[in-house]
Amino acid sequence: MKRKYLLLLVSILALPATANVEQDVDVLIEQIAQSPCTFIRNGESYDQQQAAEHIRKKWHYAKDDVADIQVFISEVASKSWFSGKPYMVKCGETQITSEAWLNQLWQQAEQP
């Protein structure tokens, strides 16, 4: 009986964390959608709306395995699952990995 209550308590405590991760991911995907940058995936360029939609689809597929926003950034939103190549982001003349760019966006989102 104690085990049953313990499992219930653990389940209840895990819910807010999952909800928080989903909220964090939604914020980051919205930042992608609002970005003026070009996204490069497997050598092809995509606008911000296409990039946001692609990342959203990957999120829906992987969300049960994502424990926090850092896992989302590094394992879901930063590289191709098929080729293993990192996604790139080009803003003006600057091109960086999407992982570095998304980490910058996330740091900005966390600031009050």
PDB file of N, CA and C in Angstrom:
ATOM      1  N   MET A   1       0.819  -1.196   0.000  1.00  0.00           N
ATOM      2  CA  MET A   1       0.000   0.000   0.000  1.00  0.00           C
ATOM      3  C   MET A   1       0.865   1.263   0.000  1.00  0.00           C
ATOM      4  N   LYS A   2       1.939   1.245   0.805  1.00  0.00           N
ATOM      5  CA  LYS A   2       2.828   2.406   0.838  1.00  0.00           C
ATOM      6  C   LYS A   2       3.459   2.645  -0.528  1.00  0.00           C
ATOM      7  N   ARG A   3       3.785   1.558  -1.199  1.00  0.00           N
ATOM      8  CA  ARG A   3       4.401   1.672  -2.520  1.00  0.00           C
ATOM      9  C   ARG A   3       3.442   2.369  -3.499  1.00  0.00           C
ATOM     10  N   LYS A   4       2.182   2.051  -3.414  1.00  0.00           N
ATOM     11  CA  LYS A   4       1.172   2.655  -4.285  1.00  0.00           C
ATOM     12  C   LYS A   4       1.115   4.166  -4.066  1.00  0.00           C
ATOM     13  N   TYR A   5       1.134   4.591  -2.817  1.00  0.00           N
ATOM     14  CA  TYR A   5       1.114   6.018  -2.506  1.00  0.00           C
ATOM     15  C   TYR A   5       2.399   6.707  -2.943  1.00  0.00           C
ATOM     16  N   LEU A   6       3.511   6.009  -2.784  1.00  0.00           N
ATOM     17  CA  LEU A   6       4.787   6.566  -3.215  1.00  0.00           C
ATOM     18  C   LEU A   6       4.797   6.785  -4.736  1.00  0.00           C
ATOM     19  N   LEU A   7       4.316   5.807  -5.490  1.00  0.00           N
ATOM     20  CA  LEU A   7       4.241   5.953  -6.943  1.00  0.00           C
ATOM     21  C   LEU A   7       3.311   7.092  -7.344  1.00  0.00           C
ATOM     22  N   LEU A   8       2.200   7.220  -6.649  1.00  0.00           N
ATOM     23  CA  LEU A   8       1.270   8.309  -6.932  1.00  0.00           C
ATOM     24  C   LEU A   8       1.930   9.656  -6.655  1.00  0.00           C
ATOM     25  N   LEU A   9       2.628   9.765  -5.532  1.00  0.00           N
ATOM     26  CA  LEU A   9       3.307  11.009  -5.177  1.00  0.00           C
ATOM     27  C   LEU A   9       4.376  11.369  -6.203  1.00  0.00           C
ATOM     28  N   VAL A  10       5.160  10.380  -6.627  1.00  0.00           N
ATOM     29  CA  VAL A  10       6.202  10.625  -7.627  1.00  0.00           C
ATOM     30  C   VAL A  10       5.566  11.090  -8.934  1.00  0.00           C
ATOM     31  N   SER A  11       4.467  10.475  -9.334  1.00  0.00           N
ATOM     32  CA  SER A  11       3.767  10.869 -10.551  1.00  0.00           C
ATOM     33  C   SER A  11       3.266  12.300 -10.465  1.00  0.00           C
ATOM     34  N   ILE A  12       2.703  12.668  -9.347  1.00  0.00           N
ATOM     35  CA  ILE A  12       2.188  14.028  -9.163  1.00  0.00           C
ATOM     36  C   ILE A  12       3.319  15.040  -9.190  1.00  0.00           C
ATOM     37  N   LEU A  13       4.420  14.712  -8.555  1.00  0.00           N
ATOM     38  CA  LEU A  13       5.555  15.635  -8.526  1.00  0.00           C
ATOM     39  C   LEU A  13       6.193  15.794  -9.900  1.00  0.00           C
ATOM     40  N   ALA A  14       6.116  14.779 -10.737  1.00  0.00           N
ATOM     41  CA  ALA A  14       6.716  14.843 -12.069  1.00  0.00           C
ATOM     42  C   ALA A  14       5.888  15.688 -13.033  1.00  0.00           C
ATOM     43  N   LEU A  15       4.605  15.830 -12.804  1.00  0.00           N
ATOM     44  CA  LEU A  15       3.746  16.579 -13.721  1.00  0.00           C
ATOM     45  C   LEU A  15       4.176  18.025 -13.921  1.00  0.00           C
ATOM     46  N   PRO A  16       4.437  18.786 -12.871  1.00  0.00           N
ATOM     47  CA  PRO A  16       4.838  20.178 -13.106  1.00  0.00           C
ATOM     48  C   PRO A  16       6.133  20.289 -13.902  1.00  0.00           C
ATOM     49  N   ALA A  17       7.073  19.382 -13.702  1.00  0.00           N
ATOM     50  CA  ALA A  17       8.322  19.433 -14.451  1.00  0.00           C
ATOM     51  C   ALA A  17       8.043  19.237 -15.933  1.00  0.00           C
ATOM     52  N   THR A  18       7.204  18.291 -16.276  1.00  0.00           N
ATOM     53  CA  THR A  18       6.857  18.049 -17.669  1.00  0.00           C
ATOM     54  C   THR A  18       6.160  19.264 -18.267  1.00  0.00           C
ATOM     55  N   ALA A  19       5.233  19.826 -17.509  1.00  0.00           N
ATOM     56  CA  ALA A  19       4.530  21.022 -17.977  1.00  0.00           C
ATOM     57  C   ALA A  19       5.508  22.179 -18.171  1.00  0.00           C
ATOM     58  N   ASN A  20       6.461  22.327 -17.260  1.00  0.00           N
ATOM     59  CA  ASN A  20       7.443  23.403 -17.382  1.00  0.00           C
ATOM     60  C   ASN A  20       8.318  23.225 -18.614  1.00  0.00           C
ATOM     61  N   VAL A  21       8.720  22.005 -18.894  1.00  0.00           N
ATOM     62  CA  VAL A  21       9.531  21.750 -20.083  1.00  0.00           C
ATOM     63  C   VAL A  21       8.731  22.110 -21.329  1.00  0.00           C
ATOM     64  N   GLU A  22       7.468  21.721 -21.366  1.00  0.00           N
ATOM     65  CA  GLU A  22       6.630  22.037 -22.524  1.00  0.00           C
ATOM     66  C   GLU A  22       6.480  23.548 -22.692  1.00  0.00           C
ATOM     67  N   GLN A  23       6.303  24.266 -21.592  1.00  0.00           N
ATOM     68  CA  GLN A  23       6.210  25.728 -21.664  1.00  0.00           C
ATOM     69  C   GLN A  23       7.520  26.319 -22.170  1.00  0.00           C
ATOM     70  N   ASP A  24       8.635  25.817 -21.662  1.00  0.00           N
ATOM     71  CA  ASP A  24       9.945  26.309 -22.094  1.00  0.00           C
ATOM     72  C   ASP A  24      10.149  26.067 -23.588  1.00  0.00           C
ATOM     73  N   VAL A  25       9.794  24.885 -24.054  1.00  0.00           N
ATOM     74  CA  VAL A  25       9.940  24.553 -25.469  1.00  0.00           C
ATOM     75  C   VAL A  25       9.039  25.454 -26.320  1.00  0.00           C
ATOM     76  N   ASP A  26       7.823  25.683 -25.864  1.00  0.00           N
ATOM     77  CA  ASP A  26       6.913  26.571 -26.599  1.00  0.00           C
ATOM     78  C   ASP A  26       7.503  27.972 -26.735  1.00  0.00           C
ATOM     79  N   VAL A  27       8.102  28.478 -25.665  1.00  0.00           N
ATOM     80  CA  VAL A  27       8.733  29.804 -25.703  1.00  0.00           C
ATOM     81  C   VAL A  27       9.857  29.815 -26.734  1.00  0.00           C
ATOM     82  N   LEU A  28      10.683  28.789 -26.713  1.00  0.00           N
ATOM     83  CA  LEU A  28      11.817  28.741 -27.632  1.00  0.00           C
ATOM     84  C   LEU A  28      11.357  28.593 -29.084  1.00  0.00           C
ATOM     85  N   ILE A  29      10.369  27.770 -29.329  1.00  0.00           N
ATOM     86  CA  ILE A  29       9.859  27.621 -30.699  1.00  0.00           C
ATOM     87  C   ILE A  29       9.237  28.926 -31.189  1.00  0.00           C
ATOM     88  N   GLU A  30       8.573  29.637 -30.314  1.00  0.00           N
ATOM     89  CA  GLU A  30       8.014  30.937 -30.698  1.00  0.00           C
ATOM     90  C   GLU A  30       9.137  31.919 -31.045  1.00  0.00           C
ATOM     91  N   GLN A  31      10.248  31.862 -30.318  1.00  0.00           N
ATOM     92  CA  GLN A  31      11.390  32.723 -30.642  1.00  0.00           C
ATOM     93  C   GLN A  31      11.959  32.364 -32.017  1.00  0.00           C
ATOM     94  N   ILE A  32      11.992  31.080 -32.330  1.00  0.00           N
ATOM     95  CA  ILE A  32      12.451  30.654 -33.656  1.00  0.00           C
ATOM     96  C   ILE A  32      11.529  31.234 -34.724  1.00  0.00           C
ATOM     97  N   ALA A  33      10.224  31.127 -34.498  1.00  0.00           N
ATOM     98  CA  ALA A  33       9.238  31.599 -35.479  1.00  0.00           C
ATOM     99  C   ALA A  33       9.319  33.109 -35.691  1.00  0.00           C
ATOM    100  N   GLN A  34       9.750  33.856 -34.692  1.00  0.00           N
ATOM    101  CA  GLN A  34       9.835  35.305 -34.789  1.00  0.00           C
ATOM    102  C   GLN A  34      11.203  35.802 -35.261  1.00  0.00           C
ATOM    103  N   SER A  35      12.141  34.910 -35.422  1.00  0.00           N
ATOM    104  CA  SER A  35      13.508  35.279 -35.775  1.00  0.00           C
ATOM    105  C   SER A  35      13.624  35.718 -37.233  1.00  0.00           C
ATOM    106  N   PRO A  36      14.483  36.681 -37.511  1.00  0.00           N
ATOM    107  CA  PRO A  36      14.734  37.062 -38.906  1.00  0.00           C
ATOM    108  C   PRO A  36      15.814  36.191 -39.564  1.00  0.00           C
ATOM    109  N   CYS A  37      16.283  35.179 -38.858  1.00  0.00           N
ATOM    110  CA  CYS A  37      17.401  34.370 -39.336  1.00  0.00           C
ATOM    111  C   CYS A  37      16.966  33.273 -40.300  1.00  0.00           C
ATOM    112  N   THR A  38      17.944  32.769 -41.042  1.00  0.00           N
ATOM    113  CA  THR A  38      17.750  31.652 -41.957  1.00  0.00           C
ATOM    114  C   THR A  38      18.292  30.396 -41.291  1.00  0.00           C
ATOM    115  N   PHE A  39      17.565  29.305 -41.431  1.00  0.00           N
ATOM    116  CA  PHE A  39      17.962  28.042 -40.822  1.00  0.00           C
ATOM    117  C   PHE A  39      18.445  27.109 -41.912  1.00  0.00           C
ATOM    118  N   ILE A  40      19.550  26.449 -41.630  1.00  0.00           N
ATOM    119  CA  ILE A  40      20.149  25.559 -42.616  1.00  0.00           C
ATOM    120  C   ILE A  40      20.133  24.150 -42.030  1.00  0.00           C
ATOM    121  N   ARG A  41      19.407  23.290 -42.732  1.00  0.00           N
ATOM    122  CA  ARG A  41      19.249  21.907 -42.285  1.00  0.00           C
ATOM    123  C   ARG A  41      19.634  20.996 -43.437  1.00  0.00           C
ATOM    124  N   ASN A  42      20.688  20.198 -43.211  1.00  0.00           N
ATOM    125  CA  ASN A  42      21.196  19.271 -44.240  1.00  0.00           C
ATOM    126  C   ASN A  42      21.466  19.983 -45.571  1.00  0.00           C
ATOM    127  N   GLY A  43      22.041  21.188 -45.459  1.00  0.00           N
ATOM    128  CA  GLY A  43      22.445  21.933 -46.639  1.00  0.00           C
ATOM    129  C   GLY A  43      21.358  22.760 -47.298  1.00  0.00           C
ATOM    130  N   GLU A  44      20.127  22.664 -46.820  1.00  0.00           N
ATOM    131  CA  GLU A  44      18.996  23.411 -47.383  1.00  0.00           C
ATOM    132  C   GLU A  44      18.629  24.570 -46.454  1.00  0.00           C
ATOM    133  N   SER A  45      18.280  25.711 -47.042  1.00  0.00           N
ATOM    134  CA  SER A  45      17.879  26.884 -46.260  1.00  0.00           C
ATOM    135  C   SER A  45      16.370  26.904 -46.049  1.00  0.00           C
ATOM    136  N   TYR A  46      15.966  27.319 -44.853  1.00  0.00           N
ATOM    137  CA  TYR A  46      14.551  27.399 -44.490  1.00  0.00           C
ATOM    138  C   TYR A  46      14.293  28.716 -43.775  1.00  0.00           C
ATOM    139  N   ASP A  47      13.091  29.276 -43.974  1.00  0.00           N
ATOM    140  CA  ASP A  47      12.751  30.493 -43.238  1.00  0.00           C
ATOM    141  C   ASP A  47      12.336  30.117 -41.809  1.00  0.00           C
ATOM    142  N   GLN A  48      12.096  31.143 -41.016  1.00  0.00           N
ATOM    143  CA  GLN A  48      11.819  30.925 -39.597  1.00  0.00           C
ATOM    144  C   GLN A  48      10.540  30.124 -39.348  1.00  0.00           C
ATOM    145  N   GLN A  49       9.529  30.315 -40.170  1.00  0.00           N
ATOM    146  CA  GLN A  49       8.284  29.561 -39.993  1.00  0.00           C
ATOM    147  C   GLN A  49       8.485  28.073 -40.293  1.00  0.00           C
ATOM    148  N   GLN A  50       9.215  27.785 -41.359  1.00  0.00           N
ATOM    149  CA  GLN A  50       9.502  26.395 -41.702  1.00  0.00           C
ATOM    150  C   GLN A  50      10.359  25.738 -40.621  1.00  0.00           C
ATOM    151  N   ALA A  51      11.333  26.482 -40.120  1.00  0.00           N
ATOM    152  CA  ALA A  51      12.201  25.952 -39.065  1.00  0.00           C
ATOM    153  C   ALA A  51      11.402  25.673 -37.797  1.00  0.00           C
ATOM    154  N   ALA A  52      10.549  26.609 -37.406  1.00  0.00           N
ATOM    155  CA  ALA A  52       9.739  26.425 -36.200  1.00  0.00           C
ATOM    156  C   ALA A  52       8.826  25.210 -36.337  1.00  0.00           C
ATOM    157  N   GLU A  53       8.225  25.049 -37.501  1.00  0.00           N
ATOM    158  CA  GLU A  53       7.341  23.900 -37.724  1.00  0.00           C
ATOM    159  C   GLU A  53       8.110  22.580 -37.659  1.00  0.00           C
ATOM    160  N   HIS A  54       9.291  22.555 -38.246  1.00  0.00           N
ATOM    161  CA  HIS A  54      10.118  21.348 -38.205  1.00  0.00           C
ATOM    162  C   HIS A  54      10.494  20.994 -36.764  1.00  0.00           C
ATOM    163  N   ILE A  55      10.930  21.988 -36.012  1.00  0.00           N
ATOM    164  CA  ILE A  55      11.322  21.751 -34.619  1.00  0.00           C
ATOM    165  C   ILE A  55      10.102  21.346 -33.795  1.00  0.00           C
ATOM    166  N   ARG A  56       8.968  21.934 -34.063  1.00  0.00           N
ATOM    167  CA  ARG A  56       7.725  21.569 -33.360  1.00  0.00           C
ATOM    168  C   ARG A  56       7.372  20.100 -33.609  1.00  0.00           C
ATOM    169  N   LYS A  57       7.504  19.652 -34.847  1.00  0.00           N
ATOM    170  CA  LYS A  57       7.235  18.249 -35.169  1.00  0.00           C
ATOM    171  C   LYS A  57       8.194  17.324 -34.440  1.00  0.00           C
ATOM    172  N   LYS A  58       9.470  17.698 -34.411  1.00  0.00           N
ATOM    173  CA  LYS A  58      10.448  16.881 -33.695  1.00  0.00           C
ATOM    174  C   LYS A  58      10.127  16.844 -32.204  1.00  0.00           C
ATOM    175  N   TRP A  59       9.694  17.980 -31.656  1.00  0.00           N
ATOM    176  CA  TRP A  59       9.321  18.045 -30.253  1.00  0.00           C
ATOM    177  C   TRP A  59       8.174  17.083 -29.951  1.00  0.00           C
ATOM    178  N   HIS A  60       7.149  17.099 -30.768  1.00  0.00           N
ATOM    179  CA  HIS A  60       5.998  16.226 -30.525  1.00  0.00           C
ATOM    180  C   HIS A  60       6.398  14.748 -30.583  1.00  0.00           C
ATOM    181  N   TYR A  61       7.339  14.434 -31.419  1.00  0.00           N
ATOM    182  CA  TYR A  61       7.810  13.062 -31.526  1.00  0.00           C
ATOM    183  C   TYR A  61       8.651  12.659 -30.307  1.00  0.00           C
ATOM    184  N   ALA A  62       9.471  13.593 -29.797  1.00  0.00           N
ATOM    185  CA  ALA A  62      10.465  13.259 -28.768  1.00  0.00           C
ATOM    186  C   ALA A  62      10.094  13.675 -27.353  1.00  0.00           C
ATOM    187  N   LYS A  63       8.987  14.370 -27.162  1.00  0.00           N
ATOM    188  CA  LYS A  63       8.738  14.999 -25.861  1.00  0.00           C
ATOM    189  C   LYS A  63       8.709  14.045 -24.684  1.00  0.00           C
ATOM    190  N   ASP A  64       8.339  12.813 -24.863  1.00  0.00           N
ATOM    191  CA  ASP A  64       8.329  11.868 -23.748  1.00  0.00           C
ATOM    192  C   ASP A  64       9.732  11.533 -23.253  1.00  0.00           C
ATOM    193  N   ASP A  65      10.745  11.826 -24.069  1.00  0.00           N
ATOM    194  CA  ASP A  65      12.126  11.523 -23.704  1.00  0.00           C
ATOM    195  C   ASP A  65      12.935  12.762 -23.323  1.00  0.00           C
ATOM    196  N   VAL A  66      12.290  13.921 -23.273  1.00  0.00           N
ATOM    197  CA  VAL A  66      13.003  15.173 -22.993  1.00  0.00           C
ATOM    198  C   VAL A  66      12.742  15.601 -21.551  1.00  0.00           C
ATOM    199  N   ALA A  67      13.809  15.622 -20.759  1.00  0.00           N
ATOM    200  CA  ALA A  67      13.686  15.931 -19.336  1.00  0.00           C
ATOM    201  C   ALA A  67      13.755  17.424 -19.035  1.00  0.00           C
ATOM    202  N   ASP A  68      14.452  18.187 -19.881  1.00  0.00           N
ATOM    203  CA  ASP A  68      14.580  19.620 -19.631  1.00  0.00           C
ATOM    204  C   ASP A  68      14.928  20.351 -20.919  1.00  0.00           C
ATOM    205  N   ILE A  69      14.971  21.657 -20.839  1.00  0.00           N
ATOM    206  CA  ILE A  69      15.187  22.482 -22.028  1.00  0.00           C
ATOM    207  C   ILE A  69      16.565  22.252 -22.645  1.00  0.00           C
ATOM    208  N   GLN A  70      17.570  21.944 -21.833  1.00  0.00           N
ATOM    209  CA  GLN A  70      18.909  21.700 -22.374  1.00  0.00           C
ATOM    210  C   GLN A  70      18.940  20.437 -23.216  1.00  0.00           C
ATOM    211  N   VAL A  71      18.226  19.409 -22.794  1.00  0.00           N
ATOM    212  CA  VAL A  71      18.139  18.183 -23.592  1.00  0.00           C
ATOM    213  C   VAL A  71      17.407  18.489 -24.903  1.00  0.00           C
ATOM    214  N   PHE A  72      16.349  19.274 -24.811  1.00  0.00           N
ATOM    215  CA  PHE A  72      15.624  19.663 -26.025  1.00  0.00           C
ATOM    216  C   PHE A  72      16.556  20.375 -27.001  1.00  0.00           C
ATOM    217  N   ILE A  73      17.302  21.345 -26.508  1.00  0.00           N
ATOM    218  CA  ILE A  73      18.199  22.111 -27.379  1.00  0.00           C
ATOM    219  C   ILE A  73      19.268  21.213 -27.987  1.00  0.00           C
ATOM    220  N   SER A  74      19.951  20.438 -27.161  1.00  0.00           N
ATOM    221  CA  SER A  74      21.099  19.678 -27.664  1.00  0.00           C
ATOM    222  C   SER A  74      20.725  18.426 -28.450  1.00  0.00           C
ATOM    223  N   GLU A  75      19.621  17.786 -28.109  1.00  0.00           N
ATOM    224  CA  GLU A  75      19.296  16.507 -28.747  1.00  0.00           C
ATOM    225  C   GLU A  75      18.177  16.575 -29.778  1.00  0.00           C
ATOM    226  N   VAL A  76      17.291  17.559 -29.680  1.00  0.00           N
ATOM    227  CA  VAL A  76      16.146  17.624 -30.586  1.00  0.00           C
ATOM    228  C   VAL A  76      16.301  18.761 -31.598  1.00  0.00           C
ATOM    229  N   ALA A  77      16.592  19.947 -31.125  1.00  0.00           N
ATOM    230  CA  ALA A  77      16.517  21.140 -31.965  1.00  0.00           C
ATOM    231  C   ALA A  77      17.827  21.539 -32.645  1.00  0.00           C
ATOM    232  N   SER A  78      18.893  20.782 -32.447  1.00  0.00           N
ATOM    233  CA  SER A  78      20.190  21.234 -32.932  1.00  0.00           C
ATOM    234  C   SER A  78      20.829  20.398 -34.020  1.00  0.00           C
ATOM    235  N   LYS A  79      20.240  19.250 -34.311  1.00  0.00           N
ATOM    236  CA  LYS A  79      20.886  18.399 -35.310  1.00  0.00           C
ATOM    237  C   LYS A  79      19.875  17.464 -35.954  1.00  0.00           C
ATOM    238  N   SER A  80      20.256  16.978 -37.115  1.00  0.00           N
ATOM    239  CA  SER A  80      19.428  16.020 -37.835  1.00  0.00           C
ATOM    240  C   SER A  80      19.561  14.651 -37.192  1.00  0.00           C
ATOM    241  N   TRP A  81      18.436  14.020 -36.944  1.00  0.00           N
ATOM    242  CA  TRP A  81      18.470  12.656 -36.424  1.00  0.00           C
ATOM    243  C   TRP A  81      18.923  11.679 -37.496  1.00  0.00           C
ATOM    244  N   PHE A  82      18.730  12.016 -38.760  1.00  0.00           N
ATOM    245  CA  PHE A  82      19.072  11.102 -39.841  1.00  0.00           C
ATOM    246  C   PHE A  82      20.533  11.207 -40.251  1.00  0.00           C
ATOM    247  N   SER A  83      20.998  12.418 -40.483  1.00  0.00           N
ATOM    248  CA  SER A  83      22.372  12.589 -40.947  1.00  0.00           C
ATOM    249  C   SER A  83      23.350  12.821 -39.797  1.00  0.00           C
ATOM    250  N   GLY A  84      22.848  13.276 -38.647  1.00  0.00           N
ATOM    251  CA  GLY A  84      23.718  13.607 -37.522  1.00  0.00           C
ATOM    252  C   GLY A  84      24.375  14.969 -37.661  1.00  0.00           C
ATOM    253  N   LYS A  85      24.121  15.659 -38.770  1.00  0.00           N
ATOM    254  CA  LYS A  85      24.731  16.973 -39.007  1.00  0.00           C
ATOM    255  C   LYS A  85      24.043  18.034 -38.155  1.00  0.00           C
ATOM    256  N   PRO A  86      24.841  18.967 -37.622  1.00  0.00           N
ATOM    257  CA  PRO A  86      24.229  20.046 -36.848  1.00  0.00           C
ATOM    258  C   PRO A  86      23.458  20.994 -37.761  1.00  0.00           C
ATOM    259  N   TYR A  87      22.366  21.533 -37.232  1.00  0.00           N
ATOM    260  CA  TYR A  87      21.655  22.597 -37.930  1.00  0.00           C
ATOM    261  C   TYR A  87      22.463  23.872 -37.748  1.00  0.00           C
ATOM    262  N   MET A  88      22.385  24.743 -38.729  1.00  0.00           N
ATOM    263  CA  MET A  88      23.080  26.024 -38.670  1.00  0.00           C
ATOM    264  C   MET A  88      22.046  27.140 -38.744  1.00  0.00           C
ATOM    265  N   VAL A  89      22.429  28.303 -38.242  1.00  0.00           N
ATOM    266  CA  VAL A  89      21.572  29.482 -38.287  1.00  0.00           C
ATOM    267  C   VAL A  89      22.418  30.617 -38.840  1.00  0.00           C
ATOM    268  N   LYS A  90      21.864  31.301 -39.835  1.00  0.00           N
ATOM    269  CA  LYS A  90      22.563  32.444 -40.422  1.00  0.00           C
ATOM    270  C   LYS A  90      21.744  33.693 -40.156  1.00  0.00           C
ATOM    271  N   CYS A  91      22.354  34.596 -39.408  1.00  0.00           N
ATOM    272  CA  CYS A  91      21.737  35.886 -39.083  1.00  0.00           C
ATOM    273  C   CYS A  91      22.651  36.956 -39.662  1.00  0.00           C
ATOM    274  N   GLY A  92      22.194  37.607 -40.704  1.00  0.00           N
ATOM    275  CA  GLY A  92      23.050  38.575 -41.389  1.00  0.00           C
ATOM    276  C   GLY A  92      24.213  37.835 -42.024  1.00  0.00           C
ATOM    277  N   GLU A  93      25.411  38.242 -41.681  1.00  0.00           N
ATOM    278  CA  GLU A  93      26.615  37.602 -42.219  1.00  0.00           C
ATOM    279  C   GLU A  93      27.183  36.552 -41.271  1.00  0.00           C
ATOM    280  N   THR A  94      26.584  36.411 -40.108  1.00  0.00           N
ATOM    281  CA  THR A  94      27.084  35.482 -39.102  1.00  0.00           C
ATOM    282  C   THR A  94      26.358  34.144 -39.193  1.00  0.00           C
ATOM    283  N   GLN A  95      27.141  33.073 -39.209  1.00  0.00           N
ATOM    284  CA  GLN A  95      26.555  31.736 -39.211  1.00  0.00           C
ATOM    285  C   GLN A  95      27.109  30.970 -38.012  1.00  0.00           C
ATOM    286  N   ILE A  96      26.205  30.404 -37.197  1.00  0.00           N
ATOM    287  CA  ILE A  96      26.607  29.614 -36.036  1.00  0.00           C
ATOM    288  C   ILE A  96      25.737  28.360 -35.977  1.00  0.00           C
ATOM    289  N   THR A  97      26.120  27.444 -35.104  1.00  0.00           N
ATOM    290  CA  THR A  97      25.293  26.256 -34.934  1.00  0.00           C
ATOM    291  C   THR A  97      23.977  26.657 -34.275  1.00  0.00           C
ATOM    292  N   SER A  98      22.941  25.919 -34.575  1.00  0.00           N
ATOM    293  CA  SER A  98      21.660  26.224 -33.940  1.00  0.00           C
ATOM    294  C   SER A  98      21.734  25.973 -32.441  1.00  0.00           C
ATOM    295  N   GLU A  99      22.570  25.048 -32.020  1.00  0.00           N
ATOM    296  CA  GLU A  99      22.709  24.802 -30.577  1.00  0.00           C
ATOM    297  C   GLU A  99      23.208  26.050 -29.861  1.00  0.00           C
ATOM    298  N   ALA A 100      24.254  26.672 -30.396  1.00  0.00           N
ATOM    299  CA  ALA A 100      24.781  27.902 -29.786  1.00  0.00           C
ATOM    300  C   ALA A 100      23.729  29.005 -29.835  1.00  0.00           C
ATOM    301  N   TRP A 101      23.064  29.136 -30.963  1.00  0.00           N
ATOM    302  CA  TRP A 101      22.059  30.182 -31.125  1.00  0.00           C
ATOM    303  C   TRP A 101      20.876  29.970 -30.195  1.00  0.00           C
ATOM    304  N   LEU A 102      20.382  28.729 -30.107  1.00  0.00           N
ATOM    305  CA  LEU A 102      19.248  28.439 -29.220  1.00  0.00           C
ATOM    306  C   LEU A 102      19.614  28.641 -27.754  1.00  0.00           C
ATOM    307  N   ASN A 103      20.840  28.313 -27.390  1.00  0.00           N
ATOM    308  CA  ASN A 103      21.278  28.577 -26.015  1.00  0.00           C
ATOM    309  C   ASN A 103      21.288  30.074 -25.726  1.00  0.00           C
ATOM    310  N   GLN A 104      21.707  30.876 -26.706  1.00  0.00           N
ATOM    311  CA  GLN A 104      21.663  32.336 -26.543  1.00  0.00           C
ATOM    312  C   GLN A 104      20.222  32.811 -26.381  1.00  0.00           C
ATOM    313  N   LEU A 105      19.328  32.310 -27.232  1.00  0.00           N
ATOM    314  CA  LEU A 105      17.918  32.687 -27.123  1.00  0.00           C
ATOM    315  C   LEU A 105      17.346  32.305 -25.764  1.00  0.00           C
ATOM    316  N   TRP A 106      17.682  31.118 -25.300  1.00  0.00           N
ATOM    317  CA  TRP A 106      17.155  30.657 -24.021  1.00  0.00           C
ATOM    318  C   TRP A 106      17.673  31.521 -22.882  1.00  0.00           C
ATOM    319  N   GLN A 107      18.926  31.892 -22.921  1.00  0.00           N
ATOM    320  CA  GLN A 107      19.471  32.776 -21.885  1.00  0.00           C
ATOM    321  C   GLN A 107      18.747  34.108 -21.884  1.00  0.00           C
ATOM    322  N   GLN A 108      18.442  34.647 -23.057  1.00  0.00           N
ATOM    323  CA  GLN A 108      17.693  35.901 -23.141  1.00  0.00           C
ATOM    324  C   GLN A 108      16.280  35.736 -22.593  1.00  0.00           C
ATOM    325  N   ALA A 109      15.660  34.615 -22.869  1.00  0.00           N
ATOM    326  CA  ALA A 109      14.279  34.367 -22.400  1.00  0.00           C
ATOM    327  C   ALA A 109      14.215  34.238 -20.890  1.00  0.00           C
ATOM    328  N   GLU A 110      15.276  33.742 -20.277  1.00  0.00           N
ATOM    329  CA  GLU A 110      15.303  33.552 -18.828  1.00  0.00           C
ATOM    330  C   GLU A 110      15.496  34.859 -18.075  1.00  0.00           C
ATOM    331  N   GLN A 111      16.044  35.877 -18.738  1.00  0.00           N
ATOM    332  CA  GLN A 111      16.283  37.150 -18.069  1.00  0.00           C
ATOM    333  C   GLN A 111      14.974  37.908 -17.901  1.00  0.00           C
ATOM    334  N   PRO A 112      14.798  38.508 -16.727  1.00  0.00           N
ATOM    335  CA  PRO A 112      13.535  39.257 -16.482  1.00  0.00           C
ATOM    336  C   PRO A 112      13.421  40.504 -17.317  1.00  0.00           C
TER     337      PRO A 112
END
